[in-house]
Protein backbone atom coordinates (compact mmCIF):
# COMPACT_ATOMS: atom_id res chain seq x y z
CA MET A 1 0.94 -9.04 12.31
CA LYS A 2 0.87 -5.32 12.05
CA ASN A 3 3.40 -3.88 9.49
CA LEU A 4 3.91 -0.21 9.01
CA ILE A 5 5.58 1.81 6.17
CA LEU A 6 6.24 5.38 6.77
CA ASN A 7 6.92 6.96 3.32
CA ALA A 8 8.27 10.36 2.69
CA ASP A 9 7.05 12.04 -0.55
CA ASP A 10 9.13 14.55 -2.57
CA PHE A 11 12.64 13.28 -2.07
CA GLY A 12 14.76 15.36 -4.41
CA LEU A 13 12.61 18.54 -4.24
CA THR A 14 15.20 20.53 -2.29
CA ARG A 15 18.34 19.68 -0.31
CA GLY A 16 16.44 20.68 2.79
CA VAL A 17 13.68 18.21 2.07
CA ASN A 18 16.36 15.61 1.42
CA GLU A 19 18.22 16.31 4.71
CA ALA A 20 14.92 15.97 6.59
CA ILE A 21 14.15 12.62 5.07
CA VAL A 22 17.55 11.31 5.83
CA ARG A 23 17.24 12.55 9.36
CA ALA A 24 13.82 11.12 9.94
CA HIS A 25 15.17 7.64 8.64
CA ARG A 26 18.50 7.74 10.78
CA ASP A 27 17.13 9.24 13.93
CA GLY A 28 13.38 8.66 13.73
CA ILE A 29 10.89 5.98 12.33
CA LEU A 30 10.81 6.80 8.58
CA THR A 31 11.27 3.72 6.56
CA SER A 32 10.73 4.82 2.93
CA ALA A 33 10.86 7.57 0.42
CA THR A 34 9.89 8.25 -3.12
CA LEU A 35 12.29 10.25 -5.44
CA MET A 36 11.34 12.88 -7.93
CA ALA A 37 13.50 12.41 -11.01
CA ASN A 38 12.73 15.89 -12.53
CA MET A 39 13.51 18.03 -9.52
CA PRO A 40 16.63 20.29 -8.70
CA ALA A 41 18.02 18.22 -5.78
CA PHE A 42 17.80 14.86 -7.50
CA GLU A 43 21.55 14.19 -7.48
CA ASP A 44 21.89 15.17 -3.87
CA ALA A 45 18.95 12.81 -2.99
CA VAL A 46 20.79 9.83 -4.85
CA GLU A 47 23.92 10.52 -2.96
CA ARG A 48 22.01 10.49 0.33
CA ALA A 49 20.35 7.33 -0.69
CA ARG A 50 23.59 5.58 -1.35
CA GLN A 51 24.79 6.63 2.12
CA ASN A 52 21.62 5.10 3.69
CA PRO A 53 21.09 1.87 2.04
CA SER A 54 18.37 0.87 4.69
CA LEU A 55 16.10 3.50 3.40
CA GLY A 56 13.67 2.19 1.03
CA ILE A 57 13.50 4.33 -2.30
CA GLY A 58 10.80 4.45 -4.84
CA VAL A 59 9.89 6.77 -7.62
CA HIS A 60 7.58 9.60 -7.11
CA LEU A 61 6.40 9.96 -10.73
CA VAL A 62 5.59 13.56 -11.64
CA LEU A 63 3.24 14.80 -14.29
CA LEU A 64 2.45 18.06 -12.62
CA GLY A 65 4.94 20.78 -12.09
CA GLY A 66 8.43 21.07 -13.53
CA ARG A 67 9.76 19.81 -16.84
CA PRO A 68 9.80 16.36 -18.23
CA ILE A 69 12.73 14.04 -18.37
CA ALA A 70 11.86 12.93 -22.01
CA ARG A 71 12.33 15.42 -24.73
CA PRO A 72 9.34 17.77 -24.87
CA GLU A 73 8.57 16.89 -28.52
CA GLU A 74 8.19 13.18 -27.35
CA VAL A 75 5.53 14.15 -24.68
CA ALA A 76 3.94 17.03 -26.45
CA SER A 77 0.51 16.47 -25.20
CA LEU A 78 1.79 16.54 -21.59
CA VAL A 79 3.56 20.07 -21.83
CA ASP A 80 2.75 23.63 -22.59
CA GLU A 81 4.45 25.93 -25.04
CA ASN A 82 7.30 26.37 -22.56
CA GLY A 83 7.85 22.66 -22.35
CA GLU A 84 6.51 22.41 -18.79
CA PHE A 85 3.92 20.18 -17.08
CA PRO A 86 0.59 21.80 -15.94
CA ARG A 87 0.63 23.13 -12.47
CA SER A 88 -3.14 22.58 -11.75
CA LEU A 89 -4.36 19.15 -10.92
CA ALA A 90 -7.79 20.13 -12.14
CA THR A 91 -6.48 21.06 -15.46
CA PHE A 92 -4.40 17.96 -15.74
CA VAL A 93 -7.44 15.81 -14.82
CA ALA A 94 -9.68 17.56 -17.39
CA LYS A 95 -7.20 17.14 -20.17
CA VAL A 96 -6.65 13.41 -19.33
CA THR A 97 -10.47 12.72 -19.01
CA SER A 98 -11.16 14.40 -22.37
CA GLY A 99 -8.35 12.55 -24.35
CA LEU A 100 -6.28 15.67 -24.83
CA ILE A 101 -3.38 13.98 -23.16
CA ARG A 102 -2.11 10.96 -25.07
CA PRO A 103 -1.43 7.74 -23.01
CA GLU A 104 1.70 6.96 -25.03
CA HIS A 105 3.10 10.34 -24.01
CA ILE A 106 2.32 9.47 -20.26
CA GLU A 107 4.05 6.34 -20.68
CA THR A 108 7.16 7.81 -22.41
CA GLU A 109 7.57 10.25 -19.64
CA LEU A 110 6.93 7.75 -16.78
CA ARG A 111 9.40 5.31 -18.45
CA SER A 112 12.08 8.14 -18.66
CA GLN A 113 11.73 8.93 -15.00
CA ILE A 114 12.08 5.30 -13.80
CA GLU A 115 14.98 4.76 -16.12
CA LYS A 116 16.81 7.87 -14.71
CA VAL A 117 16.37 6.61 -11.21
CA ARG A 118 17.59 3.16 -12.24
CA ALA A 119 20.52 4.74 -14.10
CA SER A 120 21.68 6.35 -10.94
CA GLY A 121 22.11 2.99 -9.35
CA ILE A 122 18.91 2.78 -7.22
CA ALA A 123 16.58 -0.17 -7.73
CA PRO A 124 13.11 1.34 -7.06
CA SER A 125 11.11 -0.61 -4.45
CA HIS A 126 7.73 0.87 -5.71
CA VAL A 127 6.11 3.83 -7.49
CA ASP A 128 3.62 6.44 -6.52
CA THR A 129 2.69 9.78 -8.16
CA HIS A 130 2.96 13.44 -7.23
CA LYS A 131 -0.43 14.77 -6.31
CA HIS A 132 -1.87 11.16 -6.72
CA THR A 133 -2.35 11.43 -10.43
CA HIS A 134 -2.55 7.75 -10.70
CA ALA A 135 -5.94 7.68 -8.80
CA HIS A 136 -7.21 8.57 -12.40
CA PRO A 137 -7.83 5.24 -14.11
CA LYS A 138 -6.33 6.33 -17.43
CA VAL A 139 -3.17 7.46 -15.68
CA MET A 140 -3.05 4.32 -13.53
CA GLU A 141 -3.37 2.21 -16.65
CA SER A 142 -0.18 3.82 -17.99
CA VAL A 143 1.62 3.54 -14.52
CA ALA A 144 0.80 -0.07 -14.25
CA ARG A 145 1.96 -0.79 -17.85
CA VAL A 146 5.28 0.93 -17.45
CA ALA A 147 5.87 -0.37 -13.92
CA MET A 148 5.43 -3.94 -15.02
CA GLU A 149 7.75 -3.31 -17.93
CA CYS A 150 10.39 -2.02 -15.59
CA GLY A 151 10.03 -4.67 -13.13
CA VAL A 152 8.70 -2.45 -10.31
CA MET A 153 5.84 -4.52 -9.05
CA ARG A 154 4.67 -2.52 -6.02
CA VAL A 155 2.55 0.71 -6.15
CA ARG A 156 0.86 3.03 -3.59
CA LYS A 157 -2.93 2.60 -3.32
CA PRO A 158 -3.79 6.28 -2.94
CA PHE A 159 -7.22 5.67 -1.47
CA GLU A 160 -8.07 6.41 2.28
CA ASP A 161 -11.05 4.76 3.89
CA LEU A 162 -13.49 7.77 4.66
CA ARG A 163 -13.77 6.61 8.19
CA ASP A 164 -10.02 6.87 8.70
CA SER A 165 -10.16 10.35 6.93
CA TRP A 166 -12.94 11.49 9.29
CA THR A 167 -11.18 10.16 12.42
CA SER A 168 -7.75 11.36 11.59
CA THR A 169 -8.97 15.03 11.21
CA ARG A 170 -11.26 15.31 14.29
CA ASP A 171 -9.16 17.77 16.06
CA ASN A 172 -8.96 20.12 12.92
CA ARG A 173 -11.86 19.31 10.77
CA GLY A 174 -12.60 22.89 9.49
CA ALA A 175 -9.09 23.21 7.99
CA ALA A 176 -9.29 19.67 6.67
CA VAL A 177 -12.49 20.09 4.52
CA PRO A 178 -10.83 20.43 1.21
CA ARG A 179 -8.75 17.30 1.90
CA LEU A 180 -11.76 15.35 3.08
CA ALA A 181 -13.58 16.31 -0.04
CA ALA A 182 -10.55 15.13 -2.24
CA ALA A 183 -10.34 11.80 -0.37
CA THR A 184 -14.16 11.18 -0.95
CA ALA A 185 -13.70 12.02 -4.75
CA ALA A 186 -10.77 9.81 -5.07
CA ARG A 187 -12.72 6.74 -3.55
CA VAL A 188 -14.80 6.62 -6.74
CA ALA A 189 -11.70 5.35 -8.69
CA SER A 190 -10.74 2.66 -6.07
CA ARG A 191 -12.34 -0.36 -7.83
CA SER A 192 -10.84 0.60 -11.19
CA PHE A 193 -7.42 0.90 -9.51
CA GLU A 194 -7.59 -2.59 -7.81
CA ALA A 195 -8.92 -4.13 -11.19
CA ILE A 196 -5.73 -2.66 -12.96
CA CYS A 197 -3.55 -3.87 -10.27
CA ARG A 198 -4.90 -7.41 -10.70
CA ARG A 199 -4.46 -7.38 -14.31
CA TYR A 200 -0.77 -6.31 -14.10
CA GLY A 201 0.06 -8.24 -11.09
CA LEU A 202 0.90 -5.24 -8.98
CA ARG A 203 0.97 -5.26 -5.24
CA SER A 204 0.02 -2.62 -2.62
CA PRO A 205 -0.20 -2.29 1.12
CA ASP A 206 -3.55 -3.20 2.64
CA ARG A 207 -4.26 0.26 3.93
CA PHE A 208 -3.32 3.87 3.19
CA LEU A 209 -3.35 6.66 5.77
CA GLY A 210 -2.38 10.39 5.70
CA LEU A 211 -4.41 11.75 2.75
CA ALA A 212 -6.90 13.83 4.74
CA THR A 213 -4.05 14.93 7.23
CA THR A 214 -1.62 15.91 4.39
CA GLY A 215 0.68 18.73 5.81
CA GLY A 216 -0.94 18.25 9.22
CA ILE A 217 0.81 15.30 10.72
CA SER A 218 2.04 16.38 14.19
CA ALA A 219 3.37 14.02 16.82
CA ALA A 220 -0.16 13.79 18.30
CA VAL A 221 -1.77 13.13 14.86
CA LEU A 222 0.87 10.44 13.91
CA ARG A 223 0.29 8.75 17.30
CA SER A 224 -3.46 8.66 16.63
CA LEU A 225 -2.93 7.15 13.20
CA ILE A 226 -0.62 4.54 14.83
CA ASP A 227 -3.34 3.82 17.26
CA THR A 228 -5.86 2.82 14.51
CA LEU A 229 -3.49 0.34 12.81
CA SER A 230 -5.09 -2.97 11.98
CA GLU A 231 -3.63 -6.37 11.02
CA GLY A 232 -1.72 -6.25 7.64
CA THR A 233 0.47 -3.70 6.10
CA THR A 234 -0.35 0.11 6.33
CA GLU A 235 1.29 2.86 4.66
CA ILE A 236 1.27 6.44 6.28
CA MET A 237 2.28 9.11 3.81
CA LEU A 238 4.38 12.02 4.95
CA HIS A 239 6.09 15.12 3.62
CA PRO A 240 8.92 16.00 6.11
CA GLY A 241 11.24 18.81 5.23
CA ILE A 242 13.21 21.79 6.27
CA CYS A 243 11.55 25.20 5.76
CA ASP A 244 14.22 27.19 3.92
CA ALA A 245 14.56 29.67 1.06
CA ASP A 246 14.87 26.88 -1.56
CA LEU A 247 11.52 25.47 -0.36
CA ALA A 248 9.84 28.63 -0.57
CA GLN A 249 11.03 29.09 -4.10
CA THR A 250 9.33 25.80 -5.08
CA GLY A 251 5.88 27.34 -4.45
CA SER A 252 4.94 24.18 -2.65
CA ARG A 253 1.82 24.91 -0.31
CA LEU A 254 3.59 22.78 2.25
CA GLN A 255 6.25 24.91 4.09
CA MET A 256 6.36 24.97 7.95
CA GLN A 257 4.09 21.86 7.68
CA ARG A 258 7.14 19.88 6.48
CA GLN A 259 9.07 20.87 9.58
CA THR A 260 6.15 19.74 11.76
CA GLU A 261 6.03 16.41 10.07
CA LEU A 262 9.87 16.02 10.52
CA ASP A 263 9.49 16.71 14.23
CA ALA A 264 6.79 14.15 14.48
CA LEU A 265 8.90 11.41 12.96
CA LEU A 266 11.78 12.19 15.31
CA THR A 267 9.48 12.03 18.56
CA PRO A 268 11.38 9.45 20.77
CA GLU A 269 8.26 8.19 22.40
CA LEU A 270 6.81 6.80 19.14
CA LYS A 271 9.49 4.06 19.02
CA GLY A 272 8.34 2.81 22.28
CA VAL A 273 4.60 2.95 21.15
CA LEU A 274 5.54 0.77 18.17
CA ASP A 275 7.30 -1.76 20.40
CA GLU A 276 4.55 -2.00 22.80
CA ARG A 277 2.05 -2.54 20.08
CA GLY A 278 4.11 -5.12 18.25
CA ILE A 279 4.15 -3.02 15.12
CA ARG A 280 7.02 -3.93 12.70
CA LEU A 281 8.51 -1.07 10.64
CA ILE A 282 9.09 -2.13 7.10
CA SER A 283 9.72 -0.51 3.70
CA TYR A 284 8.05 -1.31 0.35
CA ARG A 285 10.68 -3.83 -0.36
CA GLU A 286 8.94 -6.15 2.13
CA VAL A 287 5.43 -5.84 0.60
CA HIS A 288 4.60 -9.25 -0.84
């Protein structure tokens, strides 16, 4: 059987992103979203999640951008003098690798974010991380330990097969070169990730798509990704949103691209394609 999870990242980033995610679920094919506990539209996202109980909700754990949920003094090695997370992924990775960021500070912050989501009345279906920071083995170890402690036993496997990355970007390969390079580099950590999951009993979908096409999933690209689905469970990562002034103020590199991905998820023909192919739409709640 072919099962498909369509997961929207960045729930809680802005009200426009929240509105797009809910529309993509109600009127389209989106099945799941991951919630950012430290972003301005968190409460709005929680209320929308309550109104749409069929939408699976996980936690989009944030260690880059914004401020921590824990007190800054409790996570001192994670934040700068202004009490903010680093903005640069490269800076964060260098600090984690060199040991400048303490694992106990990562765990304190991750625990605080999951607990905030649970305190809002949401039982998280799974966890993933903003900018895929848990692809780093040291971060993944902390994610796994806290997830198990909190009873959240499903996690995104943030590694895309290089053949999938290459195939999915064939129509716009020049623009996708940085993302192809990132996907290639991330594969190095996949064995460590799988070993950590086994040690902590965490489960993931069999396959992950959307890394190399981040911000570029039009209706045609989404159709091509669906065409490649194999037996088992696949997650396709998306970033739907409404491009408005609030989104511009976030500094996110994904602006109009989010509207493109929303339109893709609302494409009526895709429901028929899924039915024809016998593809079952699920959320992370059904990953066993």
